[in-house]
PDB file of N, CA and C in Angstrom:
ATOM      1  N   MET A   1      42.200  33.043 -20.755  1.00  0.00           N
ATOM      2  CA  MET A   1      40.899  33.727 -20.440  1.00  0.00           C
ATOM      3  C   MET A   1      40.889  34.985 -21.297  1.00  0.00           C
ATOM      4  N   GLN A   2      39.653  35.348 -21.678  1.00  0.00           N
ATOM      5  CA  GLN A   2      39.453  36.475 -22.576  1.00  0.00           C
ATOM      6  C   GLN A   2      39.134  37.739 -21.697  1.00  0.00           C
ATOM      7  N   SER A   3      39.561  38.874 -22.193  1.00  0.00           N
ATOM      8  CA  SER A   3      39.294  40.093 -21.462  1.00  0.00           C
ATOM      9  C   SER A   3      37.852  40.570 -21.654  1.00  0.00           C
ATOM     10  N   ALA A   4      37.401  41.404 -20.830  1.00  0.00           N
ATOM     11  CA  ALA A   4      35.959  41.893 -20.936  1.00  0.00           C
ATOM     12  C   ALA A   4      35.753  42.702 -22.190  1.00  0.00           C
ATOM     13  N   GLY A   5      36.709  43.418 -22.671  1.00  0.00           N
ATOM     14  CA  GLY A   5      36.612  44.181 -23.889  1.00  0.00           C
ATOM     15  C   GLY A   5      36.307  43.347 -25.109  1.00  0.00           C
ATOM     16  N   VAL A   6      37.063  42.150 -25.211  1.00  0.00           N
ATOM     17  CA  VAL A   6      36.765  41.244 -26.325  1.00  0.00           C
ATOM     18  C   VAL A   6      35.393  40.635 -26.273  1.00  0.00           C
ATOM     19  N   LEU A   7      34.844  40.295 -25.077  1.00  0.00           N
ATOM     20  CA  LEU A   7      33.501  39.786 -24.917  1.00  0.00           C
ATOM     21  C   LEU A   7      32.509  40.832 -25.330  1.00  0.00           C
ATOM     22  N   GLU A   8      32.756  42.041 -24.902  1.00  0.00           N
ATOM     23  CA  GLU A   8      31.789  43.119 -25.232  1.00  0.00           C
ATOM     24  C   GLU A   8      31.719  43.314 -26.749  1.00  0.00           C
ATOM     25  N   ALA A   9      32.890  43.216 -27.435  1.00  0.00           N
ATOM     26  CA  ALA A   9      32.927  43.486 -28.866  1.00  0.00           C
ATOM     27  C   ALA A   9      32.202  42.318 -29.547  1.00  0.00           C
ATOM     28  N   ARG A  10      32.377  41.132 -29.098  1.00  0.00           N
ATOM     29  CA  ARG A  10      31.720  39.970 -29.747  1.00  0.00           C
ATOM     30  C   ARG A  10      30.171  40.077 -29.474  1.00  0.00           C
ATOM     31  N   TYR A  11      29.817  40.470 -28.319  1.00  0.00           N
ATOM     32  CA  TYR A  11      28.410  40.545 -27.991  1.00  0.00           C
ATOM     33  C   TYR A  11      27.757  41.665 -28.826  1.00  0.00           C
ATOM     34  N   ALA A  12      28.437  42.795 -28.980  1.00  0.00           N
ATOM     35  CA  ALA A  12      27.852  43.923 -29.739  1.00  0.00           C
ATOM     36  C   ALA A  12      27.712  43.521 -31.223  1.00  0.00           C
ATOM     37  N   SER A  13      28.721  42.795 -31.723  1.00  0.00           N
ATOM     38  CA  SER A  13      28.661  42.436 -33.174  1.00  0.00           C
ATOM     39  C   SER A  13      27.594  41.354 -33.409  1.00  0.00           C
ATOM     40  N   SER A  14      27.293  40.517 -32.417  1.00  0.00           N
ATOM     41  CA  SER A  14      26.225  39.552 -32.623  1.00  0.00           C
ATOM     42  C   SER A  14      24.847  40.235 -32.528  1.00  0.00           C
ATOM     43  N   ILE A  15      24.723  41.317 -31.760  1.00  0.00           N
ATOM     44  CA  ILE A  15      23.451  42.095 -31.686  1.00  0.00           C
ATOM     45  C   ILE A  15      23.175  42.744 -33.055  1.00  0.00           C
ATOM     46  N   THR A  16      24.197  43.370 -33.582  1.00  0.00           N
ATOM     47  CA  THR A  16      23.972  44.058 -34.860  1.00  0.00           C
ATOM     48  C   THR A  16      23.682  43.115 -35.962  1.00  0.00           C
ATOM     49  N   ALA A  17      24.370  41.972 -35.959  1.00  0.00           N
ATOM     50  CA  ALA A  17      24.109  40.941 -37.009  1.00  0.00           C
ATOM     51  C   ALA A  17      22.656  40.428 -36.912  1.00  0.00           C
ATOM     52  N   SER A  18      22.240  40.178 -35.704  1.00  0.00           N
ATOM     53  CA  SER A  18      20.816  39.600 -35.563  1.00  0.00           C
ATOM     54  C   SER A  18      19.775  40.659 -35.940  1.00  0.00           C
ATOM     55  N   SER A  19      20.067  41.949 -35.575  1.00  0.00           N
ATOM     56  CA  SER A  19      19.090  43.017 -35.919  1.00  0.00           C
ATOM     57  C   SER A  19      19.041  43.304 -37.427  1.00  0.00           C
ATOM     58  N   GLU A  20      20.161  43.139 -38.156  1.00  0.00           N
ATOM     59  CA  GLU A  20      20.163  43.256 -39.618  1.00  0.00           C
ATOM     60  C   GLU A  20      19.471  42.082 -40.246  1.00  0.00           C
ATOM     61  N   ALA A  21      19.576  40.917 -39.641  1.00  0.00           N
ATOM     62  CA  ALA A  21      18.860  39.722 -40.251  1.00  0.00           C
ATOM     63  C   ALA A  21      17.373  39.894 -40.137  1.00  0.00           C
ATOM     64  N   ASN A  22      16.856  40.599 -39.123  1.00  0.00           N
ATOM     65  CA  ASN A  22      15.383  40.760 -38.954  1.00  0.00           C
ATOM     66  C   ASN A  22      14.821  41.889 -39.802  1.00  0.00           C
ATOM     67  N   ARG A  23      15.656  42.682 -40.330  1.00  0.00           N
ATOM     68  CA  ARG A  23      15.211  43.853 -41.140  1.00  0.00           C
ATOM     69  C   ARG A  23      14.823  43.312 -42.559  1.00  0.00           C
ATOM     70  N   PRO A  24      13.722  43.829 -43.150  1.00  0.00           N
ATOM     71  CA  PRO A  24      13.276  43.422 -44.484  1.00  0.00           C
ATOM     72  C   PRO A  24      14.329  43.881 -45.481  1.00  0.00           C
ATOM     73  N   THR A  25      14.549  43.087 -46.431  1.00  0.00           N
ATOM     74  CA  THR A  25      15.560  43.461 -47.456  1.00  0.00           C
ATOM     75  C   THR A  25      15.000  44.416 -48.558  1.00  0.00           C
ATOM     76  N   HIS A  26      13.663  44.500 -48.693  1.00  0.00           N
ATOM     77  CA  HIS A  26      13.082  45.433 -49.649  1.00  0.00           C
ATOM     78  C   HIS A  26      11.969  46.123 -49.038  1.00  0.00           C
ATOM     79  N   ALA A  27      11.682  47.325 -49.537  1.00  0.00           N
ATOM     80  CA  ALA A  27      10.571  48.138 -49.036  1.00  0.00           C
ATOM     81  C   ALA A  27       9.301  47.853 -49.946  1.00  0.00           C
ATOM     82  N   ILE A  28       8.183  47.833 -49.355  1.00  0.00           N
ATOM     83  CA  ILE A  28       6.945  47.635 -50.043  1.00  0.00           C
ATOM     84  C   ILE A  28       6.541  48.968 -50.725  1.00  0.00           C
ATOM     85  N   SER A  29       6.307  48.925 -51.990  1.00  0.00           N
ATOM     86  CA  SER A  29       5.977  50.133 -52.755  1.00  0.00           C
ATOM     87  C   SER A  29       4.587  50.603 -52.363  1.00  0.00           C
ATOM     88  N   THR A  30       4.342  51.942 -52.539  1.00  0.00           N
ATOM     89  CA  THR A  30       2.988  52.459 -52.193  1.00  0.00           C
ATOM     90  C   THR A  30       1.900  51.970 -53.183  1.00  0.00           C
ATOM     91  N   SER A  31       2.308  51.674 -54.420  1.00  0.00           N
ATOM     92  CA  SER A  31       1.277  51.184 -55.355  1.00  0.00           C
ATOM     93  C   SER A  31       0.763  49.810 -54.958  1.00  0.00           C
ATOM     94  N   VAL A  32       1.654  49.000 -54.398  1.00  0.00           N
ATOM     95  CA  VAL A  32       1.204  47.704 -53.934  1.00  0.00           C
ATOM     96  C   VAL A  32       0.265  47.776 -52.790  1.00  0.00           C
ATOM     97  N   LEU A  33       0.539  48.709 -51.911  1.00  0.00           N
ATOM     98  CA  LEU A  33      -0.304  48.988 -50.711  1.00  0.00           C
ATOM     99  C   LEU A  33      -1.679  49.463 -51.233  1.00  0.00           C
ATOM    100  N   ARG A  34      -1.693  50.404 -52.196  1.00  0.00           N
ATOM    101  CA  ARG A  34      -2.939  50.879 -52.744  1.00  0.00           C
ATOM    102  C   ARG A  34      -3.734  49.773 -53.378  1.00  0.00           C
ATOM    103  N   ALA A  35      -3.111  48.927 -54.160  1.00  0.00           N
ATOM    104  CA  ALA A  35      -3.712  47.813 -54.779  1.00  0.00           C
ATOM    105  C   ALA A  35      -4.398  46.898 -53.775  1.00  0.00           C
ATOM    106  N   MET A  36      -3.626  46.601 -52.630  1.00  0.00           N
ATOM    107  CA  MET A  36      -4.274  45.739 -51.588  1.00  0.00           C
ATOM    108  C   MET A  36      -5.429  46.496 -51.021  1.00  0.00           C
ATOM    109  N   GLY A  37      -5.375  47.739 -50.829  1.00  0.00           N
ATOM    110  CA  GLY A  37      -6.536  48.491 -50.296  1.00  0.00           C
ATOM    111  C   GLY A  37      -7.738  48.414 -51.207  1.00  0.00           C
ATOM    112  N   SER A  38      -7.529  48.412 -52.447  1.00  0.00           N
ATOM    113  CA  SER A  38      -8.649  48.436 -53.367  1.00  0.00           C
ATOM    114  C   SER A  38      -9.214  47.000 -53.410  1.00  0.00           C
ATOM    115  N   LEU A  39      -8.379  45.998 -53.303  1.00  0.00           N
ATOM    116  CA  LEU A  39      -8.900  44.602 -53.174  1.00  0.00           C
ATOM    117  C   LEU A  39      -9.745  44.362 -51.970  1.00  0.00           C
ATOM    118  N   ILE A  40      -9.321  44.968 -50.902  1.00  0.00           N
ATOM    119  CA  ILE A  40     -10.092  44.838 -49.660  1.00  0.00           C
ATOM    120  C   ILE A  40     -11.405  45.513 -49.737  1.00  0.00           C
ATOM    121  N   LYS A  41     -11.375  46.694 -50.413  1.00  0.00           N
ATOM    122  CA  LYS A  41     -12.682  47.447 -50.644  1.00  0.00           C
ATOM    123  C   LYS A  41     -13.615  46.564 -51.428  1.00  0.00           C
ATOM    124  N   LYS A  42     -13.105  46.033 -52.550  1.00  0.00           N
ATOM    125  CA  LYS A  42     -13.978  45.183 -53.420  1.00  0.00           C
ATOM    126  C   LYS A  42     -14.498  43.948 -52.650  1.00  0.00           C
ATOM    127  N   ARG A  43     -13.671  43.381 -51.868  1.00  0.00           N
ATOM    128  CA  ARG A  43     -14.174  42.195 -51.092  1.00  0.00           C
ATOM    129  C   ARG A  43     -15.231  42.622 -50.095  1.00  0.00           C
ATOM    130  N   ARG A  44     -15.018  43.713 -49.409  1.00  0.00           N
ATOM    131  CA  ARG A  44     -16.081  44.212 -48.457  1.00  0.00           C
ATOM    132  C   ARG A  44     -17.420  44.516 -49.188  1.00  0.00           C
ATOM    133  N   LYS A  45     -17.332  45.094 -50.361  1.00  0.00           N
ATOM    134  CA  LYS A  45     -18.495  45.404 -51.220  1.00  0.00           C
ATOM    135  C   LYS A  45     -19.209  44.173 -51.532  1.00  0.00           C
ATOM    136  N   ARG A  46     -18.471  43.144 -52.039  1.00  0.00           N
ATOM    137  CA  ARG A  46     -19.087  41.906 -52.447  1.00  0.00           C
ATOM    138  C   ARG A  46     -19.704  41.225 -51.270  1.00  0.00           C
ATOM    139  N   MET A  47     -19.010  41.202 -50.113  1.00  0.00           N
ATOM    140  CA  MET A  47     -19.627  40.578 -48.937  1.00  0.00           C
ATOM    141  C   MET A  47     -20.830  41.288 -48.459  1.00  0.00           C
ATOM    142  N   ARG A  48     -20.862  42.541 -48.550  1.00  0.00           N
ATOM    143  CA  ARG A  48     -22.011  43.335 -48.160  1.00  0.00           C
ATOM    144  C   ARG A  48     -23.223  43.039 -49.110  1.00  0.00           C
ATOM    145  N   LYS A  49     -22.941  42.849 -50.372  1.00  0.00           N
ATOM    146  CA  LYS A  49     -23.966  42.551 -51.379  1.00  0.00           C
ATOM    147  C   LYS A  49     -24.558  41.154 -51.096  1.00  0.00           C
ATOM    148  N   LYS A  50     -23.688  40.207 -50.825  1.00  0.00           N
ATOM    149  CA  LYS A  50     -24.131  38.843 -50.638  1.00  0.00           C
ATOM    150  C   LYS A  50     -24.911  38.823 -49.255  1.00  0.00           C
ATOM    151  N   LYS A  51     -24.531  39.528 -48.309  1.00  0.00           N
ATOM    152  CA  LYS A  51     -25.247  39.525 -47.002  1.00  0.00           C
ATOM    153  C   LYS A  51     -26.618  40.163 -47.208  1.00  0.00           C
ATOM    154  N   HIS A  52     -26.765  41.176 -48.024  1.00  0.00           N
ATOM    155  CA  HIS A  52     -28.052  41.793 -48.267  1.00  0.00           C
ATOM    156  C   HIS A  52     -28.961  40.784 -48.977  1.00  0.00           C
ATOM    157  N   LYS A  53     -28.337  40.131 -49.943  1.00  0.00           N
ATOM    158  CA  LYS A  53     -29.164  39.179 -50.813  1.00  0.00           C
ATOM    159  C   LYS A  53     -29.660  38.006 -49.882  1.00  0.00           C
ATOM    160  N   LYS A  54     -28.786  37.626 -48.977  1.00  0.00           N
ATOM    161  CA  LYS A  54     -29.125  36.510 -48.070  1.00  0.00           C
ATOM    162  C   LYS A  54     -30.276  36.979 -47.118  1.00  0.00           C
ATOM    163  N   MET A  55     -30.196  38.243 -46.644  1.00  0.00           N
ATOM    164  CA  MET A  55     -31.277  38.783 -45.818  1.00  0.00           C
ATOM    165  C   MET A  55     -32.594  38.835 -46.515  1.00  0.00           C
ATOM    166  N   LEU A  56     -32.578  39.278 -47.824  1.00  0.00           N
ATOM    167  CA  LEU A  56     -33.793  39.320 -48.617  1.00  0.00           C
ATOM    168  C   LEU A  56     -34.368  37.958 -48.828  1.00  0.00           C
ATOM    169  N   LYS A  57     -33.478  37.026 -49.007  1.00  0.00           N
ATOM    170  CA  LYS A  57     -34.008  35.623 -49.252  1.00  0.00           C
ATOM    171  C   LYS A  57     -34.688  35.098 -47.940  1.00  0.00           C
ATOM    172  N   ARG A  58     -34.074  35.412 -46.802  1.00  0.00           N
ATOM    173  CA  ARG A  58     -34.535  34.963 -45.477  1.00  0.00           C
ATOM    174  C   ARG A  58     -35.954  35.594 -45.169  1.00  0.00           C
ATOM    175  N   THR A  59     -36.144  36.829 -45.514  1.00  0.00           N
ATOM    176  CA  THR A  59     -37.367  37.553 -45.087  1.00  0.00           C
ATOM    177  C   THR A  59     -38.379  37.639 -46.315  1.00  0.00           C
ATOM    178  N   ARG A  60     -38.199  36.826 -47.347  1.00  0.00           N
ATOM    179  CA  ARG A  60     -39.094  36.851 -48.467  1.00  0.00           C
ATOM    180  C   ARG A  60     -40.583  36.691 -48.120  1.00  0.00           C
ATOM    181  N   PHE A  61     -40.854  35.760 -47.251  1.00  0.00           N
ATOM    182  CA  PHE A  61     -42.303  35.507 -46.963  1.00  0.00           C
ATOM    183  C   PHE A  61     -42.919  36.625 -46.191  1.00  0.00           C
ATOM    184  N   GLN A  62     -42.037  37.276 -45.275  1.00  0.00           N
ATOM    185  CA  GLN A  62     -42.573  38.403 -44.549  1.00  0.00           C
ATOM    186  C   GLN A  62     -42.928  39.566 -45.444  1.00  0.00           C
ATOM    187  N   ARG A  63     -42.022  39.800 -46.427  1.00  0.00           N
ATOM    188  CA  ARG A  63     -42.147  40.912 -47.380  1.00  0.00           C
ATOM    189  C   ARG A  63     -43.349  40.671 -48.346  1.00  0.00           C
ATOM    190  N   ARG A  64     -43.614  39.409 -48.686  1.00  0.00           N
ATOM    191  CA  ARG A  64     -44.829  39.063 -49.495  1.00  0.00           C
ATOM    192  C   ARG A  64     -46.112  39.324 -48.696  1.00  0.00           C
ATOM    193  N   ALA A  65     -46.056  38.901 -47.448  1.00  0.00           N
ATOM    194  CA  ALA A  65     -47.242  39.117 -46.563  1.00  0.00           C
ATOM    195  C   ALA A  65     -47.502  40.605 -46.398  1.00  0.00           C
ATOM    196  N   ALA A  66     -46.420  41.376 -46.411  1.00  0.00           N
ATOM    197  CA  ALA A  66     -46.624  42.859 -46.173  1.00  0.00           C
ATOM    198  C   ALA A  66     -47.067  43.514 -47.486  1.00  0.00           C
ATOM    199  N   GLY A  67     -46.997  42.827 -48.561  1.00  0.00           N
ATOM    200  CA  GLY A  67     -47.441  43.416 -49.871  1.00  0.00           C
ATOM    201  C   GLY A  67     -46.378  44.127 -50.628  1.00  0.00           C
ATOM    202  N   LYS A  68     -45.134  43.894 -50.363  1.00  0.00           N
ATOM    203  CA  LYS A  68     -44.036  44.590 -51.057  1.00  0.00           C
ATOM    204  C   LYS A  68     -43.524  43.789 -52.179  1.00  0.00           C
TER     205      LYS A  68
END
């Protein structure tokens, strides 16, 4: 039969091993994060532009009737 101290040591080592396995091996650089931010901004701008174009297409007849 094993003593309680041996069991505690094995349990503690398994906890540290699993927590190290969950930790990312590399850090994400700030330039990559900035690049992702700019891509998101560009996508939002493009989506806004397309949404506006779609709205204009949908209301074309109303705008013509109003004389614009």
